[in-house]
């Protein structure tokens, strides 16, 4: 991608709407309008499920007024296709701190 979308290079996204020549995708921090040739499919079903669950968890937190440290952690976690044990723990700490149930 180029321009303002360049910061999403290498990030995952979930397709939400298919248009004539583009797609609307959802990322960890918003929606983008992209051309299909700018996307690479994720073939692993387990990874796709993890990404969908991670997106929901991050979106719940992003609806709140967050500390800058929490925002920075979510930026990093939102670019991962799976979470390490430490990353999962960091997300759980944020959910606990802000009173968000995991599921």
Protein backbone atom coordinates (compact mmCIF):
# COMPACT_ATOMS: atom_id res chain seq x y z
CA UNK A 1 0.00 0.00 0.00
CA UNK A 2 1.04 3.58 -0.34
CA UNK A 3 0.30 6.94 1.19
CA UNK A 4 -1.50 7.01 4.54
CA UNK A 5 -2.18 3.26 4.29
CA UNK A 6 1.55 2.47 4.14
CA UNK A 7 1.62 1.96 7.93
CA UNK A 8 -0.60 -1.10 7.39
CA UNK A 9 1.94 -2.88 5.16
CA UNK A 10 2.50 -6.31 6.64
CA UNK A 11 -0.54 -6.07 8.93
CA UNK A 12 -3.47 -8.47 8.88
CA UNK A 13 -6.96 -7.38 7.97
CA UNK A 14 -10.38 -9.01 7.83
CA UNK A 15 -12.45 -8.46 4.69
CA UNK A 16 -15.86 -7.05 5.64
CA UNK A 17 -17.34 -5.92 2.33
CA UNK A 18 -16.54 -6.82 -1.26
CA UNK A 19 -17.14 -4.00 -3.74
CA UNK A 20 -16.75 -3.95 -7.54
CA UNK A 21 -13.02 -3.23 -7.64
CA UNK A 22 -12.03 -3.07 -3.98
CA UNK A 23 -12.70 -4.35 -0.49
CA UNK A 24 -13.43 -2.77 2.84
CA UNK A 25 -11.23 -4.42 5.43
CA UNK A 26 -11.09 -4.12 9.19
CA UNK A 27 -7.76 -3.75 10.95
CA UNK A 28 -6.90 -3.56 14.63
CA UNK A 29 -7.59 0.16 14.64
CA UNK A 30 -10.11 0.91 11.91
CA UNK A 31 -11.39 0.21 8.42
CA UNK A 32 -9.65 0.65 5.10
CA UNK A 33 -10.74 0.66 1.48
CA UNK A 34 -8.17 -1.44 -0.45
CA UNK A 35 -7.64 -3.12 -3.79
CA UNK A 36 -7.59 -6.93 -3.69
CA UNK A 37 -4.10 -7.07 -5.20
CA UNK A 38 -2.79 -5.32 -2.06
CA UNK A 39 -3.84 -8.26 0.10
CA UNK A 40 -2.33 -11.69 0.66
CA UNK A 41 -4.68 -14.43 1.87
CA UNK A 42 -4.11 -16.23 5.15
CA UNK A 43 -4.72 -19.89 4.37
CA UNK A 44 -4.43 -21.34 7.87
CA UNK A 45 -7.93 -21.60 9.40
CA UNK A 46 -6.60 -21.63 12.96
CA UNK A 47 -4.73 -18.37 12.33
CA UNK A 48 -7.86 -16.82 10.80
CA UNK A 49 -9.87 -17.76 13.91
CA UNK A 50 -7.18 -16.34 16.19
CA UNK A 51 -7.11 -13.10 14.23
CA UNK A 52 -10.90 -12.73 14.41
CA UNK A 53 -10.86 -13.29 18.17
CA UNK A 54 -7.92 -10.92 18.62
CA UNK A 55 -9.70 -8.23 16.60
CA UNK A 56 -12.77 -8.44 18.86
CA UNK A 57 -10.66 -8.19 21.99
CA UNK A 58 -8.67 -5.21 20.72
CA UNK A 59 -11.81 -3.42 19.50
CA UNK A 60 -13.43 -3.74 22.94
CA UNK A 61 -10.42 -2.03 24.49
CA UNK A 62 -10.15 0.65 21.80
CA UNK A 63 -13.69 1.83 22.57
CA UNK A 64 -12.39 3.05 25.94
CA UNK A 65 -10.26 6.01 26.89
CA UNK A 66 -6.86 4.35 27.08
CA UNK A 67 -3.50 5.31 28.51
CA UNK A 68 -0.79 5.90 25.91
CA UNK A 69 1.02 2.76 27.09
CA UNK A 70 -2.09 0.67 26.47
CA UNK A 71 -2.45 2.20 23.01
CA UNK A 72 1.18 1.35 22.21
CA UNK A 73 0.73 -2.27 23.32
CA UNK A 74 -2.43 -2.63 21.22
CA UNK A 75 -0.62 -1.21 18.18
CA UNK A 76 2.01 -3.96 18.46
CA UNK A 77 -0.46 -6.74 19.27
CA UNK A 78 -2.67 -5.67 16.37
CA UNK A 79 0.07 -6.53 13.92
CA UNK A 80 0.61 -10.10 15.15
CA UNK A 81 -1.10 -13.11 13.57
CA UNK A 82 -0.73 -15.06 16.81
CA UNK A 83 0.19 -14.03 20.33
CA UNK A 84 3.11 -15.35 22.30
CA UNK A 85 2.52 -16.26 25.94
CA UNK A 86 3.86 -12.87 27.04
CA UNK A 87 1.72 -10.99 24.49
CA UNK A 88 -1.38 -12.90 25.58
CA UNK A 89 -0.60 -11.99 29.19
CA UNK A 90 -0.18 -8.31 28.28
CA UNK A 91 -3.57 -8.30 26.57
CA UNK A 92 -5.15 -10.02 29.57
CA UNK A 93 -3.63 -7.43 31.91
CA UNK A 94 -5.12 -4.62 29.82
CA UNK A 95 -8.51 -6.35 29.75
CA UNK A 96 -8.40 -6.82 33.51
CA UNK A 97 -7.23 -3.26 34.18
CA UNK A 98 -9.98 -1.74 32.03
CA UNK A 99 -12.65 -4.18 33.23
CA UNK A 100 -13.18 -5.95 29.90
CA UNK A 101 -14.20 -9.61 30.01
CA UNK A 102 -12.04 -11.74 27.71
CA UNK A 103 -15.00 -13.41 26.01
